[in-house]
Amino acid sequence: MPNESIAGLVKDLTSQLSAIAVEFGTRADRLAHESDSGVPMGAAALDPRELAKQLLAQRMARFDHFPAELFHEPAWDMLLALFVAHEERRTMNVKTLVASAQAPVTTSQRWIDHLHKLKLIDRVIDPVDRRRMEISLSDSGYTAITAYLRRLGAA
């Protein structure tokens, strides 16, 4: 009888060790894949547009709990808003862009000028109402934000 229980224990132990070996093999394959590609195996990359919307919502939620003066990045808020607008095929004018920045108008306008100088955004006079200026991401601005969001989504 003791030999049968020892044989059963050995059989169970062998089965458990086999399962552990399979798990270690799977993890080793995953690590090898991650080091080759930089992207975790099986990780579903988040859609950049959805990620941008989540980032904007998270940034806005901070104002519910902390003073606005702690979080003052109007340029980043504007770039995210312009990315979402681009992805949703909406145009933005200066007024709507300034509203998305949660900053004073003059501060936002200075940032719009700076983003334009950095060639991250384009400014075009609205063909319907020449008093308004349409703002959009430039090709290089779109490329930079998309690459950044994809990197975040893969992390």
N, C-alpha and C. Protein backbone atom coordinates (compact mmCIF):
# COMPACT_ATOMS: atom_id res chain seq x y z
N MET A 1 0.81 -1.20 0.00
CA MET A 1 0.00 0.00 0.00
C MET A 1 0.85 1.27 0.00
N PRO A 2 1.93 1.33 0.80
CA PRO A 2 2.75 2.54 0.79
C PRO A 2 3.38 2.79 -0.57
N ASN A 3 3.71 1.72 -1.32
CA ASN A 3 4.29 1.91 -2.65
C ASN A 3 3.30 2.54 -3.61
N GLU A 4 2.01 2.16 -3.46
CA GLU A 4 0.96 2.74 -4.32
C GLU A 4 0.80 4.23 -4.04
N SER A 5 0.83 4.64 -2.77
CA SER A 5 0.68 6.05 -2.44
C SER A 5 1.91 6.85 -2.88
N ILE A 6 3.07 6.22 -2.76
CA ILE A 6 4.29 6.90 -3.25
C ILE A 6 4.22 7.04 -4.77
N ALA A 7 3.75 6.00 -5.45
CA ALA A 7 3.63 6.04 -6.91
C ALA A 7 2.63 7.13 -7.31
N GLY A 8 1.54 7.25 -6.57
CA GLY A 8 0.55 8.29 -6.85
C GLY A 8 1.12 9.68 -6.66
N LEU A 9 1.89 9.86 -5.58
CA LEU A 9 2.52 11.15 -5.32
C LEU A 9 3.52 11.51 -6.41
N VAL A 10 4.31 10.52 -6.83
CA VAL A 10 5.28 10.75 -7.90
C VAL A 10 4.56 11.13 -9.18
N LYS A 11 3.45 10.45 -9.46
CA LYS A 11 2.67 10.74 -10.67
C LYS A 11 2.12 12.17 -10.61
N ASP A 12 1.57 12.56 -9.46
CA ASP A 12 1.04 13.92 -9.30
C ASP A 12 2.15 14.96 -9.43
N LEU A 13 3.28 14.66 -8.79
CA LEU A 13 4.41 15.58 -8.85
C LEU A 13 4.91 15.73 -10.29
N THR A 14 4.97 14.63 -11.02
CA THR A 14 5.40 14.67 -12.43
C THR A 14 4.44 15.52 -13.25
N SER A 15 3.15 15.35 -13.00
CA SER A 15 2.14 16.13 -13.71
C SER A 15 2.30 17.63 -13.41
N GLN A 16 2.50 17.96 -12.14
CA GLN A 16 2.66 19.37 -11.76
C GLN A 16 3.94 19.96 -12.35
N LEU A 17 5.02 19.19 -12.31
CA LEU A 17 6.27 19.68 -12.89
C LEU A 17 6.14 19.89 -14.39
N SER A 18 5.40 19.01 -15.05
CA SER A 18 5.17 19.16 -16.48
C SER A 18 4.41 20.45 -16.77
N ALA A 19 3.39 20.74 -15.96
CA ALA A 19 2.61 21.97 -16.14
C ALA A 19 3.50 23.20 -15.90
N ILE A 20 4.36 23.12 -14.90
CA ILE A 20 5.27 24.24 -14.61
C ILE A 20 6.24 24.43 -15.78
N ALA A 21 6.75 23.33 -16.33
CA ALA A 21 7.67 23.43 -17.46
C ALA A 21 7.00 24.08 -18.66
N VAL A 22 5.74 23.73 -18.92
CA VAL A 22 4.99 24.33 -20.03
C VAL A 22 4.82 25.83 -19.79
N GLU A 23 4.47 26.20 -18.55
CA GLU A 23 4.29 27.62 -18.22
C GLU A 23 5.59 28.40 -18.39
N PHE A 24 6.70 27.84 -17.91
CA PHE A 24 7.99 28.51 -18.08
C PHE A 24 8.35 28.64 -19.56
N GLY A 25 8.06 27.62 -20.34
CA GLY A 25 8.32 27.68 -21.78
C GLY A 25 7.52 28.79 -22.44
N THR A 26 6.24 28.89 -22.05
CA THR A 26 5.37 29.94 -22.60
C THR A 26 5.90 31.32 -22.22
N ARG A 27 6.29 31.49 -20.96
CA ARG A 27 6.82 32.77 -20.50
C ARG A 27 8.14 33.11 -21.21
N ALA A 28 8.97 32.12 -21.42
CA ALA A 28 10.25 32.35 -22.12
C ALA A 28 9.99 32.79 -23.55
N ASP A 29 9.01 32.15 -24.21
CA ASP A 29 8.66 32.55 -25.58
C ASP A 29 8.14 33.99 -25.59
N ARG A 30 7.33 34.33 -24.60
CA ARG A 30 6.76 35.68 -24.52
C ARG A 30 7.87 36.70 -24.33
N LEU A 31 8.79 36.41 -23.41
CA LEU A 31 9.91 37.34 -23.18
C LEU A 31 10.77 37.50 -24.42
N ALA A 32 11.02 36.40 -25.13
CA ALA A 32 11.81 36.48 -26.36
C ALA A 32 11.10 37.34 -27.39
N HIS A 33 9.78 37.20 -27.49
CA HIS A 33 9.00 38.00 -28.44
C HIS A 33 9.03 39.47 -28.06
N GLU A 34 8.90 39.76 -26.75
CA GLU A 34 8.93 41.14 -26.29
C GLU A 34 10.27 41.80 -26.59
N SER A 35 11.36 41.08 -26.37
CA SER A 35 12.67 41.68 -26.61
C SER A 35 12.91 41.91 -28.09
N ASP A 36 12.31 41.08 -28.95
CA ASP A 36 12.47 41.27 -30.40
C ASP A 36 11.64 42.43 -30.90
N SER A 37 10.39 42.56 -30.42
CA SER A 37 9.48 43.55 -30.99
C SER A 37 9.27 44.77 -30.11
N GLY A 38 9.54 44.64 -28.81
CA GLY A 38 9.29 45.74 -27.90
C GLY A 38 7.83 45.83 -27.50
N VAL A 39 6.97 44.95 -28.03
CA VAL A 39 5.55 44.95 -27.73
C VAL A 39 5.22 43.67 -26.99
N PRO A 40 4.58 43.76 -25.82
CA PRO A 40 4.24 42.56 -25.09
C PRO A 40 3.37 41.62 -25.91
N MET A 41 3.72 40.33 -25.90
CA MET A 41 2.98 39.34 -26.67
C MET A 41 1.56 39.26 -26.15
N GLY A 42 0.61 39.26 -27.05
CA GLY A 42 -0.79 39.15 -26.67
C GLY A 42 -1.40 40.47 -26.23
N ALA A 43 -0.62 41.53 -26.17
CA ALA A 43 -1.16 42.81 -25.75
C ALA A 43 -1.90 43.45 -26.90
N ALA A 44 -3.14 43.76 -26.66
CA ALA A 44 -3.94 44.41 -27.69
C ALA A 44 -3.64 45.90 -27.64
N ALA A 45 -3.11 46.42 -28.71
CA ALA A 45 -2.81 47.85 -28.76
C ALA A 45 -4.11 48.64 -28.75
N LEU A 46 -4.16 49.65 -27.92
CA LEU A 46 -5.36 50.48 -27.85
C LEU A 46 -5.44 51.36 -29.08
N ASP A 47 -6.65 51.61 -29.51
CA ASP A 47 -6.89 52.51 -30.63
C ASP A 47 -6.41 53.90 -30.24
N PRO A 48 -5.53 54.52 -31.04
CA PRO A 48 -4.99 55.84 -30.66
C PRO A 48 -6.06 56.89 -30.41
N ARG A 49 -7.15 56.89 -31.19
CA ARG A 49 -8.21 57.88 -30.98
C ARG A 49 -8.86 57.68 -29.61
N GLU A 50 -9.16 56.43 -29.27
CA GLU A 50 -9.77 56.15 -27.97
C GLU A 50 -8.83 56.49 -26.83
N LEU A 51 -7.56 56.21 -27.02
CA LEU A 51 -6.58 56.54 -26.01
C LEU A 51 -6.50 58.06 -25.81
N ALA A 52 -6.51 58.81 -26.89
CA ALA A 52 -6.48 60.28 -26.79
C ALA A 52 -7.72 60.79 -26.05
N LYS A 53 -8.87 60.21 -26.36
CA LYS A 53 -10.10 60.62 -25.67
C LYS A 53 -10.03 60.30 -24.18
N GLN A 54 -9.47 59.13 -23.85
CA GLN A 54 -9.31 58.76 -22.45
C GLN A 54 -8.35 59.72 -21.74
N LEU A 55 -7.26 60.05 -22.41
CA LEU A 55 -6.30 60.99 -21.81
C LEU A 55 -6.95 62.35 -21.55
N LEU A 56 -7.73 62.83 -22.51
CA LEU A 56 -8.42 64.12 -22.32
C LEU A 56 -9.41 64.03 -21.15
N ALA A 57 -10.17 62.96 -21.08
CA ALA A 57 -11.14 62.79 -19.99
C ALA A 57 -10.43 62.70 -18.64
N GLN A 58 -9.31 61.98 -18.59
CA GLN A 58 -8.55 61.88 -17.35
C GLN A 58 -8.00 63.24 -16.94
N ARG A 59 -7.53 63.99 -17.92
CA ARG A 59 -6.98 65.30 -17.61
C ARG A 59 -8.08 66.23 -17.08
N MET A 60 -9.27 66.14 -17.65
CA MET A 60 -10.38 66.98 -17.19
C MET A 60 -10.84 66.55 -15.79
N ALA A 61 -10.80 65.25 -15.52
CA ALA A 61 -11.24 64.74 -14.21
C ALA A 61 -10.38 65.27 -13.07
N ARG A 62 -9.14 65.60 -13.37
CA ARG A 62 -8.26 66.12 -12.32
C ARG A 62 -8.82 67.40 -11.72
N PHE A 63 -9.51 68.21 -12.54
CA PHE A 63 -10.04 69.48 -12.07
C PHE A 63 -11.16 69.29 -11.05
N ASP A 64 -11.75 68.10 -11.00
CA ASP A 64 -12.79 67.82 -10.01
C ASP A 64 -12.19 67.60 -8.62
N HIS A 65 -10.90 67.36 -8.56
CA HIS A 65 -10.29 66.99 -7.28
C HIS A 65 -9.12 67.89 -6.85
N PHE A 66 -8.57 68.62 -7.80
CA PHE A 66 -7.40 69.43 -7.51
C PHE A 66 -7.57 70.83 -8.11
N PRO A 67 -6.85 71.80 -7.57
CA PRO A 67 -6.90 73.15 -8.17
C PRO A 67 -6.33 73.13 -9.60
N ALA A 68 -6.99 73.87 -10.48
CA ALA A 68 -6.59 73.90 -11.89
C ALA A 68 -5.16 74.39 -12.06
N GLU A 69 -4.69 75.23 -11.16
CA GLU A 69 -3.34 75.79 -11.30
C GLU A 69 -2.24 74.73 -11.24
N LEU A 70 -2.56 73.55 -10.73
CA LEU A 70 -1.56 72.47 -10.66
C LEU A 70 -1.30 71.82 -12.01
N PHE A 71 -2.26 71.92 -12.91
CA PHE A 71 -2.17 71.21 -14.18
C PHE A 71 -2.36 72.19 -15.32
N HIS A 72 -1.27 72.74 -15.79
CA HIS A 72 -1.37 73.78 -16.80
C HIS A 72 -0.53 73.39 -18.01
N GLU A 73 -1.14 72.61 -18.90
CA GLU A 73 -0.47 72.20 -20.12
C GLU A 73 -1.40 72.43 -21.32
N PRO A 74 -1.71 73.67 -21.61
CA PRO A 74 -2.67 73.92 -22.68
C PRO A 74 -2.20 73.39 -24.04
N ALA A 75 -0.92 73.41 -24.30
CA ALA A 75 -0.43 72.92 -25.59
C ALA A 75 -0.76 71.44 -25.76
N TRP A 76 -0.53 70.65 -24.73
CA TRP A 76 -0.81 69.22 -24.80
C TRP A 76 -2.31 68.97 -24.94
N ASP A 77 -3.11 69.70 -24.17
CA ASP A 77 -4.57 69.55 -24.29
C ASP A 77 -5.03 69.88 -25.70
N MET A 78 -4.45 70.92 -26.27
CA MET A 78 -4.84 71.31 -27.64
C MET A 78 -4.41 70.25 -28.65
N LEU A 79 -3.21 69.71 -28.50
CA LEU A 79 -2.75 68.68 -29.44
C LEU A 79 -3.64 67.44 -29.36
N LEU A 80 -4.00 67.03 -28.16
CA LEU A 80 -4.90 65.88 -28.02
C LEU A 80 -6.26 66.16 -28.63
N ALA A 81 -6.80 67.36 -28.37
CA ALA A 81 -8.11 67.72 -28.94
C ALA A 81 -8.06 67.76 -30.46
N LEU A 82 -6.97 68.29 -31.00
CA LEU A 82 -6.83 68.33 -32.46
C LEU A 82 -6.69 66.93 -33.05
N PHE A 83 -6.03 66.03 -32.33
CA PHE A 83 -5.90 64.65 -32.80
C PHE A 83 -7.27 63.99 -32.85
N VAL A 84 -8.05 64.13 -31.79
CA VAL A 84 -9.39 63.53 -31.76
C VAL A 84 -10.25 64.14 -32.86
N ALA A 85 -10.19 65.44 -33.04
CA ALA A 85 -10.96 66.10 -34.10
C ALA A 85 -10.55 65.56 -35.47
N HIS A 86 -9.27 65.39 -35.68
CA HIS A 86 -8.77 64.86 -36.95
C HIS A 86 -9.33 63.46 -37.19
N GLU A 87 -9.25 62.61 -36.15
CA GLU A 87 -9.72 61.23 -36.28
C GLU A 87 -11.23 61.16 -36.50
N GLU A 88 -11.96 62.12 -35.97
CA GLU A 88 -13.41 62.17 -36.14
C GLU A 88 -13.83 63.04 -37.31
N ARG A 89 -12.86 63.47 -38.08
CA ARG A 89 -13.08 64.29 -39.28
C ARG A 89 -13.90 65.56 -38.98
N ARG A 90 -13.53 66.20 -37.86
CA ARG A 90 -14.14 67.47 -37.48
C ARG A 90 -13.10 68.56 -37.63
N THR A 91 -13.56 69.74 -37.93
CA THR A 91 -12.64 70.88 -37.98
C THR A 91 -12.73 71.62 -36.65
N MET A 92 -11.66 72.30 -36.32
CA MET A 92 -11.65 73.11 -35.10
C MET A 92 -11.21 74.51 -35.48
N ASN A 93 -11.87 75.47 -34.89
CA ASN A 93 -11.42 76.85 -35.07
C ASN A 93 -10.74 77.29 -33.79
N VAL A 94 -10.20 78.47 -33.80
CA VAL A 94 -9.46 78.96 -32.64
C VAL A 94 -10.33 78.93 -31.39
N LYS A 95 -11.58 79.36 -31.51
CA LYS A 95 -12.46 79.44 -30.34
C LYS A 95 -12.67 78.06 -29.71
N THR A 96 -12.96 77.04 -30.50
CA THR A 96 -13.18 75.71 -29.94
C THR A 96 -11.89 75.11 -29.40
N LEU A 97 -10.79 75.41 -30.05
CA LEU A 97 -9.50 74.91 -29.58
C LEU A 97 -9.13 75.56 -28.25
N VAL A 98 -9.34 76.85 -28.13
CA VAL A 98 -9.05 77.55 -26.88
C VAL A 98 -9.91 76.98 -25.76
N ALA A 99 -11.16 76.68 -26.04
CA ALA A 99 -12.05 76.12 -25.02
C ALA A 99 -11.56 74.75 -24.55
N SER A 100 -10.93 74.00 -25.42
CA SER A 100 -10.46 72.67 -25.05
C SER A 100 -9.23 72.73 -24.15
N ALA A 101 -8.55 73.87 -24.12
CA ALA A 101 -7.29 73.98 -23.39
C ALA A 101 -7.46 74.33 -21.92
N GLN A 102 -8.63 74.76 -21.52
CA GLN A 102 -8.86 75.14 -20.13
C GLN A 102 -7.82 76.16 -19.65
N ALA A 103 -7.54 77.12 -20.52
CA ALA A 103 -6.56 78.16 -20.20
C ALA A 103 -7.11 79.50 -20.69
N PRO A 104 -6.58 80.60 -20.18
CA PRO A 104 -7.02 81.91 -20.67
C PRO A 104 -6.80 82.03 -22.18
N VAL A 105 -7.63 82.82 -22.82
CA VAL A 105 -7.59 82.99 -24.27
C VAL A 105 -6.21 83.44 -24.73
N THR A 106 -5.64 84.43 -24.07
CA THR A 106 -4.34 84.94 -24.52
C THR A 106 -3.25 83.87 -24.39
N THR A 107 -3.29 83.10 -23.32
CA THR A 107 -2.32 82.01 -23.14
C THR A 107 -2.48 80.98 -24.24
N SER A 108 -3.73 80.61 -24.50
CA SER A 108 -4.00 79.61 -25.54
C SER A 108 -3.56 80.11 -26.91
N GLN A 109 -3.80 81.37 -27.19
CA GLN A 109 -3.40 81.92 -28.49
C GLN A 109 -1.88 81.94 -28.63
N ARG A 110 -1.18 82.24 -27.55
CA ARG A 110 0.29 82.18 -27.59
C ARG A 110 0.75 80.75 -27.88
N TRP A 111 0.10 79.77 -27.27
CA TRP A 111 0.46 78.37 -27.52
C TRP A 111 0.13 77.97 -28.95
N ILE A 112 -0.96 78.46 -29.48
CA ILE A 112 -1.30 78.17 -30.88
C ILE A 112 -0.20 78.71 -31.79
N ASP A 113 0.25 79.93 -31.52
CA ASP A 113 1.34 80.51 -32.31
C ASP A 113 2.61 79.66 -32.19
N HIS A 114 2.91 79.23 -30.98
CA HIS A 114 4.12 78.45 -30.75
C HIS A 114 4.03 77.07 -31.44
N LEU A 115 2.88 76.42 -31.32
CA LEU A 115 2.69 75.12 -31.98
C LEU A 115 2.81 75.26 -33.50
N HIS A 116 2.35 76.39 -34.02
CA HIS A 116 2.47 76.64 -35.46
C HIS A 116 3.93 76.85 -35.85
N LYS A 117 4.68 77.58 -35.03
CA LYS A 117 6.10 77.78 -35.30
C LYS A 117 6.87 76.46 -35.26
N LEU A 118 6.43 75.56 -34.38
CA LEU A 118 7.07 74.24 -34.28
C LEU A 118 6.60 73.29 -35.39
N LYS A 119 5.69 73.79 -36.23
CA LYS A 119 5.15 73.02 -37.36
C LYS A 119 4.37 71.78 -36.91
N LEU A 120 3.73 71.88 -35.73
CA LEU A 120 2.89 70.80 -35.24
C LEU A 120 1.43 71.00 -35.63
N ILE A 121 1.06 72.23 -35.94
CA ILE A 121 -0.31 72.53 -36.38
C ILE A 121 -0.28 73.40 -37.63
N ASP A 122 -1.41 73.38 -38.33
CA ASP A 122 -1.61 74.25 -39.49
C ASP A 122 -2.74 75.21 -39.17
N ARG A 123 -2.65 76.41 -39.71
CA ARG A 123 -3.72 77.41 -39.57
C ARG A 123 -4.17 77.80 -40.96
N VAL A 124 -5.48 77.79 -41.16
CA VAL A 124 -6.06 78.15 -42.45
C VAL A 124 -7.27 79.04 -42.19
N ILE A 125 -7.41 80.07 -42.99
CA ILE A 125 -8.58 80.94 -42.86
C ILE A 125 -9.81 80.16 -43.31
N ASP A 126 -10.86 80.21 -42.48
CA ASP A 126 -12.12 79.52 -42.78
C ASP A 126 -12.68 80.06 -44.09
N PRO A 127 -12.89 79.19 -45.08
CA PRO A 127 -13.39 79.67 -46.37
C PRO A 127 -14.81 80.24 -46.32
N VAL A 128 -15.60 79.81 -45.34
CA VAL A 128 -16.98 80.30 -45.22
C VAL A 128 -17.03 81.62 -44.47
N ASP A 129 -16.30 81.70 -43.38
CA ASP A 129 -16.26 82.91 -42.56
C ASP A 129 -14.81 83.33 -42.41
N ARG A 130 -14.40 84.27 -43.23
CA ARG A 130 -12.99 84.66 -43.29
C ARG A 130 -12.48 85.31 -41.99
N ARG A 131 -13.39 85.57 -41.06
CA ARG A 131 -12.96 86.11 -39.77
C ARG A 131 -12.45 85.01 -38.85
N ARG A 132 -12.77 83.77 -39.20
CA ARG A 132 -12.37 82.64 -38.35
C ARG A 132 -11.16 81.92 -38.94
N MET A 133 -10.39 81.32 -38.04
CA MET A 133 -9.20 80.56 -38.43
C MET A 133 -9.43 79.10 -38.05
N GLU A 134 -9.25 78.21 -39.03
CA GLU A 134 -9.34 76.78 -38.75
C GLU A 134 -7.96 76.27 -38.36
N ILE A 135 -7.94 75.43 -37.35
CA ILE A 135 -6.68 74.87 -36.84
C ILE A 135 -6.75 73.35 -37.00
N SER A 136 -5.65 72.76 -37.45
CA SER A 136 -5.58 71.30 -37.57
C SER A 136 -4.14 70.86 -37.29
N LEU A 137 -3.99 69.58 -37.03
CA LEU A 137 -2.64 69.05 -36.88
C LEU A 137 -1.95 69.05 -38.22
N SER A 138 -0.69 69.40 -38.22
CA SER A 138 0.10 69.28 -39.45
C SER A 138 0.42 67.79 -39.63
N ASP A 139 0.97 67.44 -40.76
CA ASP A 139 1.36 66.05 -40.98
C ASP A 139 2.37 65.59 -39.93
N SER A 140 3.35 66.45 -39.63
CA SER A 140 4.35 66.06 -38.63
C SER A 140 3.74 65.99 -37.23
N GLY A 141 2.79 66.87 -36.93
CA GLY A 141 2.11 66.82 -35.63
C GLY A 141 1.28 65.56 -35.49
N TYR A 142 0.58 65.21 -36.57
CA TYR A 142 -0.24 63.99 -36.55
C TYR A 142 0.65 62.75 -36.39
N THR A 143 1.75 62.72 -37.11
CA THR A 143 2.67 61.58 -37.04
C THR A 143 3.23 61.44 -35.63
N ALA A 144 3.63 62.55 -35.02
CA ALA A 144 4.22 62.52 -33.69
C ALA A 144 3.21 62.04 -32.65
N ILE A 145 2.00 62.57 -32.69
CA ILE A 145 0.99 62.18 -31.70
C ILE A 145 0.58 60.72 -31.90
N THR A 146 0.42 60.32 -33.14
CA THR A 146 0.04 58.93 -33.41
C THR A 146 1.12 57.98 -32.89
N ALA A 147 2.37 58.28 -33.14
CA ALA A 147 3.46 57.43 -32.65
C ALA A 147 3.47 57.38 -31.13
N TYR A 148 3.27 58.51 -30.49
CA TYR A 148 3.26 58.56 -29.03
C TYR A 148 2.10 57.73 -28.48
N LEU A 149 0.90 57.91 -29.03
CA LEU A 149 -0.27 57.18 -28.55
C LEU A 149 -0.14 55.69 -28.78
N ARG A 150 0.43 55.31 -29.91
CA ARG A 150 0.63 53.88 -30.18
C ARG A 150 1.61 53.29 -29.17
N ARG A 151 2.63 54.06 -28.86
CA ARG A 151 3.60 53.59 -27.85
C ARG A 151 2.93 53.41 -26.50
N LEU A 152 2.08 54.36 -26.12
CA LEU A 152 1.36 54.23 -24.86
C LEU A 152 0.39 53.05 -24.88
N GLY A 153 -0.29 52.88 -26.02
CA GLY A 153 -1.28 51.81 -26.14
C GLY A 153 -0.66 50.43 -26.13
N ALA A 154 0.59 50.33 -26.53
CA ALA A 154 1.26 49.03 -26.55
C ALA A 154 1.91 48.71 -25.23
N ALA A 155 2.05 49.73 -24.37
CA ALA A 155 2.74 49.51 -23.08
C ALA A 155 1.90 48.75 -22.11
